[in-house]
Amino acid sequence: MFLRFLFLSLCLFFIVSCQHSVVQSEYGMKSIIEENAKPKMLGEQFQFTEGPLWLPKQEMWIFSDIPGNKIYQYHPEKGFAIFRDPSNFTNGHALDLEGNLISAQHNRTVTRTKPDGSVEVIADKYNGKKLNSPNDLAVSKKGEIYFTDPHYGLIGYGPVKAEEEQPVRGIYRLRKDGTVELLCGDLKIPNGVAFSPKESTLYVTNAEDGNIYCFDVQVDGTLDNLRLFAKQPVREGKNPVGDGIRVDKSGNVYAAFSGGIAIYNVDGKLLGEIALPESATNLAWGGKDYKTLFITAQNKVYAIDTRIGG
């Protein structure tokens, strides 16, 4: 009886350990994350977490709780606190070149938070019609804002349900003169978005099939040559997940998938996974050296140290 109990205990320990671990592929990723590193859960008291971002001046992360209609902050020493309430169902965040907070909101707007704390709408329409539901965004080195516009805020994840006014769920560019430009409408549900280090490539996840696609970024900032970058793994019994995405300084691509975070090299080969018991939603680097990876995953947030950083 004791041996049977011991065997079952060891099996349970193995399962739990694998749910919070770094899994290497045949290509390996020891240069990216230490072999025995494990993500640390920082909190699980939320509803649905998204949009993590490091604020260097305050030395803290912020992240969205979309159905909770709040933005939280997390300081490594002080813990959690409310950053903004209500948040207008904010999802993704980024900093512009001046350090202002840019937010994609499920109330059909993209906003900028000014230094005095006031919030202004910088995009809410294209061709005279309302945007669907700005989801995630990336700021180029030229200061232009690229954002995805799926439909989530219109089907119950925003202030009110509504019909889509745009004919496509697009990838847009907000130019410095305030003009909103549709760059691509070919992905069914574009979600996460990130540039390669030299901004020659733009990566976009597609929530319809869970996979990662990429474009060539032209000299004028437009997008060309849409193609599949990587087909993401899917955990048994779960649906495909194509959500938040980030790229490290070496060009490796990190993407949320149904089992945590999948990591790919520049050729789209799977290097390994940061395994979690639930699907991840988004991720961002932070800390003084920008090597701590902060991960949002359903009702939880995690952190893990990396070797390259973003």
C-alpha atoms as a PDB file:
ATOM      1  CA  MET A   1       0.000   0.000   0.000  1.00  0.00           C
ATOM      2  CA  PHE A   2       2.815   2.394   0.900  1.00  0.00           C
ATOM      3  CA  LEU A   3       4.634   1.706  -2.391  1.00  0.00           C
ATOM      4  CA  ARG A   4       1.444   2.343  -4.331  1.00  0.00           C
ATOM      5  CA  PHE A   5       0.920   5.626  -2.463  1.00  0.00           C
ATOM      6  CA  LEU A   6       4.533   6.616  -3.142  1.00  0.00           C
ATOM      7  CA  PHE A   7       4.179   5.790  -6.844  1.00  0.00           C
ATOM      8  CA  LEU A   8       0.984   7.854  -7.183  1.00  0.00           C
ATOM      9  CA  SER A   9       2.572  10.752  -5.317  1.00  0.00           C
ATOM     10  CA  LEU A  10       5.585  10.740  -7.621  1.00  0.00           C
ATOM     11  CA  CYS A  11       3.332  10.664 -10.683  1.00  0.00           C
ATOM     12  CA  LEU A  12       1.330  13.612  -9.366  1.00  0.00           C
ATOM     13  CA  PHE A  13       4.533  15.534  -8.628  1.00  0.00           C
ATOM     14  CA  PHE A  14       5.771  14.867 -12.159  1.00  0.00           C
ATOM     15  CA  ILE A  15       2.533  16.085 -13.705  1.00  0.00           C
ATOM     16  CA  VAL A  16       2.422  19.266 -11.635  1.00  0.00           C
ATOM     17  CA  SER A  17       6.098  19.970 -12.315  1.00  0.00           C
ATOM     18  CA  CYS A  18       5.606  19.639 -16.068  1.00  0.00           C
ATOM     19  CA  GLN A  19       2.707  22.095 -15.908  1.00  0.00           C
ATOM     20  CA  HIS A  20       5.107  24.808 -14.689  1.00  0.00           C
ATOM     21  CA  SER A  21       8.346  24.126 -16.493  1.00  0.00           C
ATOM     22  CA  VAL A  22      10.549  24.844 -19.487  1.00  0.00           C
ATOM     23  CA  VAL A  23      10.307  22.108 -22.113  1.00  0.00           C
ATOM     24  CA  GLN A  24      13.191  21.791 -24.587  1.00  0.00           C
ATOM     25  CA  SER A  25      12.748  20.645 -28.182  1.00  0.00           C
ATOM     26  CA  GLU A  26      15.335  18.894 -30.291  1.00  0.00           C
ATOM     27  CA  TYR A  27      16.693  22.304 -31.275  1.00  0.00           C
ATOM     28  CA  GLY A  28      17.042  23.351 -27.608  1.00  0.00           C
ATOM     29  CA  MET A  29      16.861  26.775 -26.021  1.00  0.00           C
ATOM     30  CA  LYS A  30      19.438  26.725 -23.250  1.00  0.00           C
ATOM     31  CA  SER A  31      20.760  30.059 -24.481  1.00  0.00           C
ATOM     32  CA  ILE A  32      17.289  31.572 -23.960  1.00  0.00           C
ATOM     33  CA  ILE A  33      16.157  30.248 -20.575  1.00  0.00           C
ATOM     34  CA  GLU A  34      18.021  28.310 -17.911  1.00  0.00           C
ATOM     35  CA  GLU A  35      17.356  24.590 -18.132  1.00  0.00           C
ATOM     36  CA  ASN A  36      15.827  24.260 -14.658  1.00  0.00           C
ATOM     37  CA  ALA A  37      13.928  27.554 -14.697  1.00  0.00           C
ATOM     38  CA  LYS A  38      10.244  27.488 -13.823  1.00  0.00           C
ATOM     39  CA  PRO A  39       7.627  30.228 -14.151  1.00  0.00           C
ATOM     40  CA  LYS A  40       6.531  31.638 -10.802  1.00  0.00           C
ATOM     41  CA  MET A  41       2.845  32.356 -10.328  1.00  0.00           C
ATOM     42  CA  LEU A  42       2.473  35.852  -8.885  1.00  0.00           C
ATOM     43  CA  GLY A  43      -1.303  36.013  -8.530  1.00  0.00           C
ATOM     44  CA  GLU A  44      -4.565  34.298  -9.491  1.00  0.00           C
ATOM     45  CA  GLN A  45      -7.256  36.621  -8.134  1.00  0.00           C
ATOM     46  CA  PHE A  46      -8.289  38.044 -11.498  1.00  0.00           C
ATOM     47  CA  GLN A  47     -10.950  37.245 -14.111  1.00  0.00           C
ATOM     48  CA  PHE A  48      -9.110  37.304 -17.460  1.00  0.00           C
ATOM     49  CA  THR A  49      -5.663  38.867 -17.709  1.00  0.00           C
ATOM     50  CA  GLU A  50      -4.117  40.479 -20.784  1.00  0.00           C
ATOM     51  CA  GLY A  51      -1.872  43.269 -22.048  1.00  0.00           C
ATOM     52  CA  PRO A  52       1.211  43.158 -19.773  1.00  0.00           C
ATOM     53  CA  LEU A  53       3.666  46.053 -20.062  1.00  0.00           C
ATOM     54  CA  TRP A  54       6.690  47.204 -18.070  1.00  0.00           C
ATOM     55  CA  LEU A  55       6.714  50.872 -17.049  1.00  0.00           C
ATOM     56  CA  PRO A  56      10.400  51.733 -16.580  1.00  0.00           C
ATOM     57  CA  LYS A  57       9.863  55.040 -14.765  1.00  0.00           C
ATOM     58  CA  GLN A  58       7.673  53.425 -12.121  1.00  0.00           C
ATOM     59  CA  GLU A  59       9.646  50.145 -12.227  1.00  0.00           C
ATOM     60  CA  MET A  60       6.474  48.050 -12.353  1.00  0.00           C
ATOM     61  CA  TRP A  61       4.253  46.082 -14.693  1.00  0.00           C
ATOM     62  CA  ILE A  62       0.708  46.894 -15.619  1.00  0.00           C
ATOM     63  CA  PHE A  63      -1.798  44.450 -17.120  1.00  0.00           C
ATOM     64  CA  SER A  64      -5.473  44.397 -18.033  1.00  0.00           C
ATOM     65  CA  ASP A  65      -8.286  42.407 -16.477  1.00  0.00           C
ATOM     66  CA  ILE A  66     -10.708  42.749 -19.369  1.00  0.00           C
ATOM     67  CA  PRO A  67     -14.022  41.482 -17.875  1.00  0.00           C
ATOM     68  CA  GLY A  68     -13.088  43.080 -14.547  1.00  0.00           C
ATOM     69  CA  ASN A  69     -12.824  46.384 -16.440  1.00  0.00           C
ATOM     70  CA  LYS A  70      -9.638  47.288 -14.588  1.00  0.00           C
ATOM     71  CA  ILE A  71      -5.926  47.752 -15.155  1.00  0.00           C
ATOM     72  CA  TYR A  72      -3.715  46.414 -12.379  1.00  0.00           C
ATOM     73  CA  GLN A  73      -0.138  47.220 -11.504  1.00  0.00           C
ATOM     74  CA  TYR A  74       2.423  44.858 -10.059  1.00  0.00           C
ATOM     75  CA  HIS A  75       5.550  46.053  -8.300  1.00  0.00           C
ATOM     76  CA  PRO A  76       8.095  43.310  -7.481  1.00  0.00           C
ATOM     77  CA  GLU A  77       8.394  44.591  -3.900  1.00  0.00           C
ATOM     78  CA  LYS A  78       4.995  46.189  -3.251  1.00  0.00           C
ATOM     79  CA  GLY A  79       2.743  43.622  -4.931  1.00  0.00           C
ATOM     80  CA  PHE A  80      -0.561  44.317  -6.685  1.00  0.00           C
ATOM     81  CA  ALA A  81      -2.675  47.475  -6.753  1.00  0.00           C
ATOM     82  CA  ILE A  82      -5.311  49.074  -8.983  1.00  0.00           C
ATOM     83  CA  PHE A  83      -3.796  51.194 -11.758  1.00  0.00           C
ATOM     84  CA  ARG A  84      -7.047  52.277 -13.463  1.00  0.00           C
ATOM     85  CA  ASP A  85     -10.704  51.637 -12.649  1.00  0.00           C
ATOM     86  CA  PRO A  86     -12.680  51.571 -14.864  1.00  0.00           C
ATOM     87  CA  SER A  87     -10.422  50.782 -17.807  1.00  0.00           C
ATOM     88  CA  ASN A  88     -12.965  50.856 -20.652  1.00  0.00           C
ATOM     89  CA  PHE A  89     -12.224  47.152 -21.188  1.00  0.00           C
ATOM     90  CA  THR A  90      -8.636  47.781 -22.154  1.00  0.00           C
ATOM     91  CA  ASN A  91      -6.640  44.906 -23.672  1.00  0.00           C
ATOM     92  CA  GLY A  92      -3.125  45.528 -25.057  1.00  0.00           C
ATOM     93  CA  HIS A  93      -0.634  48.234 -24.088  1.00  0.00           C
ATOM     94  CA  ALA A  94       2.557  49.765 -25.468  1.00  0.00           C
ATOM     95  CA  LEU A  95       4.715  52.830 -24.885  1.00  0.00           C
ATOM     96  CA  ASP A  96       5.192  55.408 -27.611  1.00  0.00           C
ATOM     97  CA  LEU A  97       8.518  57.108 -28.334  1.00  0.00           C
ATOM     98  CA  GLU A  98       7.796  59.787 -25.719  1.00  0.00           C
ATOM     99  CA  GLY A  99       7.000  57.204 -23.051  1.00  0.00           C
ATOM    100  CA  ASN A 100       3.235  57.759 -23.136  1.00  0.00           C
ATOM    101  CA  LEU A 101       0.981  54.780 -22.514  1.00  0.00           C
ATOM    102  CA  ILE A 102      -0.879  53.657 -25.653  1.00  0.00           C
ATOM    103  CA  SER A 103      -3.818  51.295 -25.065  1.00  0.00           C
ATOM    104  CA  ALA A 104      -6.061  49.187 -27.294  1.00  0.00           C
ATOM    105  CA  GLN A 105      -9.550  49.210 -25.817  1.00  0.00           C
ATOM    106  CA  HIS A 106     -12.585  47.025 -26.394  1.00  0.00           C
ATOM    107  CA  ASN A 107     -14.774  50.131 -26.382  1.00  0.00           C
ATOM    108  CA  ARG A 108     -13.613  50.517 -30.007  1.00  0.00           C
ATOM    109  CA  THR A 109     -10.816  53.011 -29.376  1.00  0.00           C
ATOM    110  CA  VAL A 110      -7.050  53.394 -29.187  1.00  0.00           C
ATOM    111  CA  THR A 111      -6.026  55.851 -26.480  1.00  0.00           C
ATOM    112  CA  ARG A 112      -2.992  57.748 -25.241  1.00  0.00           C
ATOM    113  CA  THR A 113      -2.458  58.486 -21.567  1.00  0.00           C
ATOM    114  CA  LYS A 114      -0.839  61.911 -21.194  1.00  0.00           C
ATOM    115  CA  PRO A 115       1.831  62.743 -18.590  1.00  0.00           C
ATOM    116  CA  ASP A 116      -0.846  64.395 -16.404  1.00  0.00           C
ATOM    117  CA  GLY A 117      -2.817  61.132 -16.353  1.00  0.00           C
ATOM    118  CA  SER A 118      -5.592  62.253 -18.669  1.00  0.00           C
ATOM    119  CA  VAL A 119      -6.650  59.890 -21.446  1.00  0.00           C
ATOM    120  CA  GLU A 120      -7.305  60.956 -25.036  1.00  0.00           C
ATOM    121  CA  VAL A 121      -8.734  58.941 -27.937  1.00  0.00           C
ATOM    122  CA  ILE A 122      -6.273  58.849 -30.835  1.00  0.00           C
ATOM    123  CA  ALA A 123      -8.136  56.390 -33.095  1.00  0.00           C
ATOM    124  CA  ASP A 124     -11.747  55.218 -33.197  1.00  0.00           C
ATOM    125  CA  LYS A 125     -12.775  55.177 -36.856  1.00  0.00           C
ATOM    126  CA  TYR A 126     -11.654  54.091 -40.299  1.00  0.00           C
ATOM    127  CA  ASN A 127     -13.383  55.369 -43.439  1.00  0.00           C
ATOM    128  CA  GLY A 128     -15.913  57.123 -41.236  1.00  0.00           C
ATOM    129  CA  LYS A 129     -17.026  53.911 -39.503  1.00  0.00           C
ATOM    130  CA  LYS A 130     -16.268  52.730 -35.990  1.00  0.00           C
ATOM    131  CA  LEU A 131     -13.415  50.318 -35.404  1.00  0.00           C
ATOM    132  CA  ASN A 132     -14.421  46.870 -34.216  1.00  0.00           C
ATOM    133  CA  SER A 133     -12.402  46.242 -31.054  1.00  0.00           C
ATOM    134  CA  PRO A 134      -8.713  47.290 -30.948  1.00  0.00           C
ATOM    135  CA  ASN A 135      -6.894  44.377 -29.361  1.00  0.00           C
ATOM    136  CA  ASP A 136      -3.099  44.591 -29.373  1.00  0.00           C
ATOM    137  CA  LEU A 137      -0.521  47.016 -30.707  1.00  0.00           C
ATOM    138  CA  ALA A 138       3.142  47.654 -31.467  1.00  0.00           C
ATOM    139  CA  VAL A 139       4.929  50.986 -31.898  1.00  0.00           C
ATOM    140  CA  SER A 140       7.522  51.291 -34.657  1.00  0.00           C
ATOM    141  CA  LYS A 141      10.825  53.145 -34.344  1.00  0.00           C
ATOM    142  CA  LYS A 142       9.241  55.867 -36.468  1.00  0.00           C
ATOM    143  CA  GLY A 143       6.553  56.325 -33.840  1.00  0.00           C
ATOM    144  CA  GLU A 144       3.727  54.798 -35.860  1.00  0.00           C
ATOM    145  CA  ILE A 145       1.248  52.526 -34.079  1.00  0.00           C
ATOM    146  CA  TYR A 146       0.309  49.179 -35.644  1.00  0.00           C
ATOM    147  CA  PHE A 147      -2.774  47.556 -34.127  1.00  0.00           C
ATOM    148  CA  THR A 148      -5.126  44.643 -34.676  1.00  0.00           C
ATOM    149  CA  ASP A 149      -8.893  45.038 -34.707  1.00  0.00           C
ATOM    150  CA  PRO A 150     -10.813  41.778 -34.192  1.00  0.00           C
ATOM    151  CA  HIS A 151     -14.373  41.616 -32.877  1.00  0.00           C
ATOM    152  CA  TYR A 152     -14.063  40.522 -29.249  1.00  0.00           C
ATOM    153  CA  GLY A 153     -15.412  43.712 -27.710  1.00  0.00           C
ATOM    154  CA  LEU A 154     -18.555  43.422 -29.802  1.00  0.00           C
ATOM    155  CA  ILE A 155     -19.496  39.881 -28.760  1.00  0.00           C
ATOM    156  CA  GLY A 156     -19.511  40.276 -24.993  1.00  0.00           C
ATOM    157  CA  TYR A 157     -15.994  41.332 -24.007  1.00  0.00           C
ATOM    158  CA  GLY A 158     -16.689  45.059 -24.144  1.00  0.00           C
ATOM    159  CA  PRO A 159     -19.182  47.594 -22.796  1.00  0.00           C
ATOM    160  CA  VAL A 160     -22.048  46.582 -25.143  1.00  0.00           C
ATOM    161  CA  LYS A 161     -22.685  44.032 -27.853  1.00  0.00           C
ATOM    162  CA  ALA A 162     -22.849  45.540 -31.326  1.00  0.00           C
ATOM    163  CA  GLU A 163     -22.579  44.792 -35.018  1.00  0.00           C
ATOM    164  CA  GLU A 164     -19.256  45.115 -36.788  1.00  0.00           C
ATOM    165  CA  GLU A 165     -19.120  48.241 -38.952  1.00  0.00           C
ATOM    166  CA  GLN A 166     -15.831  47.423 -40.671  1.00  0.00           C
ATOM    167  CA  PRO A 167     -16.019  44.929 -43.557  1.00  0.00           C
ATOM    168  CA  VAL A 168     -12.825  43.203 -42.365  1.00  0.00           C
ATOM    169  CA  ARG A 169     -11.064  42.540 -39.071  1.00  0.00           C
ATOM    170  CA  GLY A 170      -7.975  44.427 -39.988  1.00  0.00           C
ATOM    171  CA  ILE A 171      -4.401  45.219 -39.181  1.00  0.00           C
ATOM    172  CA  TYR A 172      -4.095  48.988 -39.098  1.00  0.00           C
ATOM    173  CA  ARG A 173      -1.432  51.658 -38.875  1.00  0.00           C
ATOM    174  CA  LEU A 174      -2.011  54.891 -36.970  1.00  0.00           C
ATOM    175  CA  ARG A 175       0.331  57.364 -38.631  1.00  0.00           C
ATOM    176  CA  LYS A 176       1.951  60.245 -36.778  1.00  0.00           C
ATOM    177  CA  ASP A 177      -0.415  62.703 -38.462  1.00  0.00           C
ATOM    178  CA  GLY A 178      -3.385  60.867 -36.918  1.00  0.00           C
ATOM    179  CA  THR A 179      -4.445  59.074 -40.099  1.00  0.00           C
ATOM    180  CA  VAL A 180      -5.688  55.502 -39.681  1.00  0.00           C
ATOM    181  CA  GLU A 181      -4.653  53.217 -42.557  1.00  0.00           C
ATOM    182  CA  LEU A 182      -5.828  49.654 -43.229  1.00  0.00           C
ATOM    183  CA  LEU A 183      -2.748  47.552 -44.015  1.00  0.00           C
ATOM    184  CA  CYS A 184      -4.285  44.069 -44.267  1.00  0.00           C
ATOM    185  CA  GLY A 185      -7.709  42.487 -43.972  1.00  0.00           C
ATOM    186  CA  ASP A 186      -6.789  38.942 -44.967  1.00  0.00           C
ATOM    187  CA  LEU A 187      -6.550  37.289 -41.523  1.00  0.00           C
ATOM    188  CA  LYS A 188      -9.891  36.182 -40.082  1.00  0.00           C
ATOM    189  CA  ILE A 189      -9.145  37.145 -36.461  1.00  0.00           C
ATOM    190  CA  PRO A 190      -5.827  39.040 -36.142  1.00  0.00           C
ATOM    191  CA  ASN A 191      -4.715  39.240 -32.538  1.00  0.00           C
ATOM    192  CA  GLY A 192      -1.148  39.696 -31.236  1.00  0.00           C
ATOM    193  CA  VAL A 193       1.342  41.857 -33.121  1.00  0.00           C
ATOM    194  CA  ALA A 194       5.120  42.404 -32.818  1.00  0.00           C
ATOM    195  CA  PHE A 195       8.080  43.640 -34.873  1.00  0.00           C
ATOM    196  CA  SER A 196      11.361  41.856 -35.499  1.00  0.00           C
ATOM    197  CA  PRO A 197      14.381  43.683 -33.975  1.00  0.00           C
ATOM    198  CA  LYS A 198      15.182  45.576 -37.202  1.00  0.00           C
ATOM    199  CA  GLU A 199      11.471  46.003 -38.017  1.00  0.00           C
ATOM    200  CA  SER A 200      11.865  44.261 -41.360  1.00  0.00           C
ATOM    201  CA  THR A 201       9.187  41.739 -40.352  1.00  0.00           C
ATOM    202  CA  LEU A 202       5.844  42.119 -38.597  1.00  0.00           C
ATOM    203  CA  TYR A 203       4.467  39.037 -36.815  1.00  0.00           C
ATOM    204  CA  VAL A 204       0.729  38.643 -36.248  1.00  0.00           C
ATOM    205  CA  THR A 205      -1.138  35.794 -34.575  1.00  0.00           C
ATOM    206  CA  ASN A 206      -4.449  34.592 -35.971  1.00  0.00           C
ATOM    207  CA  ALA A 207      -6.968  33.529 -33.352  1.00  0.00           C
ATOM    208  CA  GLU A 208      -8.985  31.618 -35.953  1.00  0.00           C
ATOM    209  CA  ASP A 209      -6.408  28.831 -36.352  1.00  0.00           C
ATOM    210  CA  GLY A 210      -3.961  29.677 -33.545  1.00  0.00           C
ATOM    211  CA  ASN A 211      -1.017  30.100 -35.903  1.00  0.00           C
ATOM    212  CA  ILE A 212       1.600  32.824 -36.434  1.00  0.00           C
ATOM    213  CA  TYR A 213       1.829  34.751 -39.696  1.00  0.00           C
ATOM    214  CA  CYS A 214       4.318  37.352 -40.843  1.00  0.00           C
ATOM    215  CA  PHE A 215       4.727  40.175 -43.334  1.00  0.00           C
ATOM    216  CA  ASP A 216       7.629  41.979 -44.915  1.00  0.00           C
ATOM    217  CA  VAL A 217       7.605  45.606 -43.758  1.00  0.00           C
ATOM    218  CA  GLN A 218       8.231  47.890 -46.699  1.00  0.00           C
ATOM    219  CA  VAL A 219      10.296  51.091 -46.608  1.00  0.00           C
ATOM    220  CA  ASP A 220       7.097  53.152 -46.460  1.00  0.00           C
ATOM    221  CA  GLY A 221       5.777  51.081 -43.537  1.00  0.00           C
ATOM    222  CA  THR A 222       3.184  49.124 -45.502  1.00  0.00           C
ATOM    223  CA  LEU A 223       2.990  45.325 -45.335  1.00  0.00           C
ATOM    224  CA  ASP A 224       3.648  42.775 -48.063  1.00  0.00           C
ATOM    225  CA  ASN A 225       4.107  39.028 -48.583  1.00  0.00           C
ATOM    226  CA  LEU A 226       1.726  37.605 -45.995  1.00  0.00           C
ATOM    227  CA  ARG A 227       2.805  34.049 -45.146  1.00  0.00           C
ATOM    228  CA  LEU A 228       2.645  31.401 -42.447  1.00  0.00           C
ATOM    229  CA  PHE A 229       5.545  31.703 -40.002  1.00  0.00           C
ATOM    230  CA  ALA A 230       4.774  28.827 -37.610  1.00  0.00           C
ATOM    231  CA  LYS A 231       1.971  26.382 -36.978  1.00  0.00           C
ATOM    232  CA  GLN A 232       1.442  26.397 -33.239  1.00  0.00           C
ATOM    233  CA  PRO A 233       1.108  23.254 -31.093  1.00  0.00           C
ATOM    234  CA  VAL A 234      -2.258  22.478 -29.511  1.00  0.00           C
ATOM    235  CA  ARG A 235      -2.666  20.712 -26.179  1.00  0.00           C
ATOM    236  CA  GLU A 236      -4.875  17.641 -26.208  1.00  0.00           C
ATOM    237  CA  GLY A 237      -8.463  18.551 -25.426  1.00  0.00           C
ATOM    238  CA  LYS A 238      -7.913  22.267 -26.000  1.00  0.00           C
ATOM    239  CA  ASN A 239      -8.652  24.618 -28.863  1.00  0.00           C
ATOM    240  CA  PRO A 240      -5.920  26.385 -30.870  1.00  0.00           C
ATOM    241  CA  VAL A 241      -4.753  29.647 -29.320  1.00  0.00           C
ATOM    242  CA  GLY A 242      -3.232  32.543 -31.247  1.00  0.00           C
ATOM    243  CA  ASP A 243      -2.875  35.479 -28.874  1.00  0.00           C
ATOM    244  CA  GLY A 244      -0.056  37.669 -27.557  1.00  0.00           C
ATOM    245  CA  ILE A 245       3.363  37.631 -29.227  1.00  0.00           C
ATOM    246  CA  ARG A 246       6.795  39.165 -28.542  1.00  0.00           C
ATOM    247  CA  VAL A 247      10.267  39.016 -30.112  1.00  0.00           C
ATOM    248  CA  ASP A 248      13.535  39.018 -28.143  1.00  0.00           C
ATOM    249  CA  LYS A 249      16.703  40.951 -29.026  1.00  0.00           C
ATOM    250  CA  SER A 250      18.045  38.001 -31.020  1.00  0.00           C
ATOM    251  CA  GLY A 251      14.902  37.674 -33.127  1.00  0.00           C
ATOM    252  CA  ASN A 252      13.401  34.617 -31.390  1.00  0.00           C
ATOM    253  CA  VAL A 253       9.601  34.688 -31.362  1.00  0.00           C
ATOM    254  CA  TYR A 254       7.576  33.991 -28.193  1.00  0.00           C
ATOM    255  CA  ALA A 255       3.854  33.341 -28.606  1.00  0.00           C
ATOM    256  CA  ALA A 256       0.954  32.433 -26.358  1.00  0.00           C
ATOM    257  CA  PHE A 257      -0.503  29.002 -27.141  1.00  0.00           C
ATOM    258  CA  SER A 258      -2.845  26.496 -25.518  1.00  0.00           C
ATOM    259  CA  GLY A 259      -0.135  25.152 -23.192  1.00  0.00           C
ATOM    260  CA  GLY A 260       1.693  28.346 -22.219  1.00  0.00           C
ATOM    261  CA  ILE A 261       4.371  30.126 -24.274  1.00  0.00           C
ATOM    262  CA  ALA A 262       5.931  28.584 -27.397  1.00  0.00           C
ATOM    263  CA  ILE A 263       9.347  29.849 -28.525  1.00  0.00           C
ATOM    264  CA  TYR A 264      10.560  29.789 -32.140  1.00  0.00           C
ATOM    265  CA  ASN A 265      13.788  30.761 -33.866  1.00  0.00           C
ATOM    266  CA  VAL A 266      13.851  33.189 -36.799  1.00  0.00           C
ATOM    267  CA  ASP A 267      13.120  30.322 -39.210  1.00  0.00           C
ATOM    268  CA  GLY A 268       9.930  29.356 -37.385  1.00  0.00           C
ATOM    269  CA  LYS A 269      11.329  26.178 -35.806  1.00  0.00           C
ATOM    270  CA  LEU A 270       9.967  25.394 -32.356  1.00  0.00           C
ATOM    271  CA  LEU A 271      12.770  25.706 -29.802  1.00  0.00           C
ATOM    272  CA  GLY A 272      10.726  24.840 -26.731  1.00  0.00           C
ATOM    273  CA  GLU A 273       7.911  25.844 -24.431  1.00  0.00           C
ATOM    274  CA  ILE A 274       7.285  27.568 -21.145  1.00  0.00           C
ATOM    275  CA  ALA A 275       4.637  25.102 -20.041  1.00  0.00           C
ATOM    276  CA  LEU A 276       1.666  26.294 -17.994  1.00  0.00           C
ATOM    277  CA  PRO A 277      -1.446  24.457 -16.794  1.00  0.00           C
ATOM    278  CA  GLU A 278      -3.616  26.854 -18.799  1.00  0.00           C
ATOM    279  CA  SER A 279      -3.292  28.725 -22.093  1.00  0.00           C
ATOM    280  CA  ALA A 280      -1.370  31.983 -21.985  1.00  0.00           C
ATOM    281  CA  THR A 281      -2.851  35.219 -23.295  1.00  0.00           C
ATOM    282  CA  ASN A 282       0.092  37.614 -23.569  1.00  0.00           C
ATOM    283  CA  LEU A 283       3.621  38.415 -22.398  1.00  0.00           C
ATOM    284  CA  ALA A 284       6.134  41.234 -21.997  1.00  0.00           C
ATOM    285  CA  TRP A 285       9.688  41.732 -20.801  1.00  0.00           C
ATOM    286  CA  GLY A 286      10.542  43.990 -17.924  1.00  0.00           C
ATOM    287  CA  GLY A 287      12.762  44.542 -14.940  1.00  0.00           C
ATOM    288  CA  LYS A 288      15.830  46.765 -14.904  1.00  0.00           C
ATOM    289  CA  ASP A 289      17.597  44.546 -17.461  1.00  0.00           C
ATOM    290  CA  TYR A 290      14.433  43.701 -19.447  1.00  0.00           C
ATOM    291  CA  LYS A 291      15.098  39.990 -19.015  1.00  0.00           C
ATOM    292  CA  THR A 292      12.175  39.071 -16.766  1.00  0.00           C
ATOM    293  CA  LEU A 293       9.273  37.731 -18.812  1.00  0.00           C
ATOM    294  CA  PHE A 294       5.844  38.586 -17.388  1.00  0.00           C
ATOM    295  CA  ILE A 295       3.064  36.284 -18.624  1.00  0.00           C
ATOM    296  CA  THR A 296      -0.695  36.696 -18.415  1.00  0.00           C
ATOM    297  CA  ALA A 297      -2.677  33.453 -18.499  1.00  0.00           C
ATOM    298  CA  GLN A 298      -6.435  33.318 -17.981  1.00  0.00           C
ATOM    299  CA  ASN A 299      -6.998  34.449 -14.352  1.00  0.00           C
ATOM    300  CA  LYS A 300      -3.286  34.322 -13.446  1.00  0.00           C
ATOM    301  CA  VAL A 301      -0.017  36.155 -13.955  1.00  0.00           C
ATOM    302  CA  TYR A 302       3.452  34.564 -13.980  1.00  0.00           C
ATOM    303  CA  ALA A 303       7.078  35.644 -14.250  1.00  0.00           C
ATOM    304  CA  ILE A 304      10.217  33.825 -15.385  1.00  0.00           C
ATOM    305  CA  ASP A 305      13.798  34.997 -15.890  1.00  0.00           C
ATOM    306  CA  THR A 306      15.276  34.772 -19.380  1.00  0.00           C
ATOM    307  CA  ARG A 307      18.819  35.174 -20.721  1.00  0.00           C
ATOM    308  CA  ILE A 308      18.251  37.377 -23.775  1.00  0.00           C
ATOM    309  CA  GLY A 309      15.302  39.609 -23.024  1.00  0.00           C
ATOM    310  CA  GLY A 310      13.454  42.100 -25.129  1.00  0.00           C
END
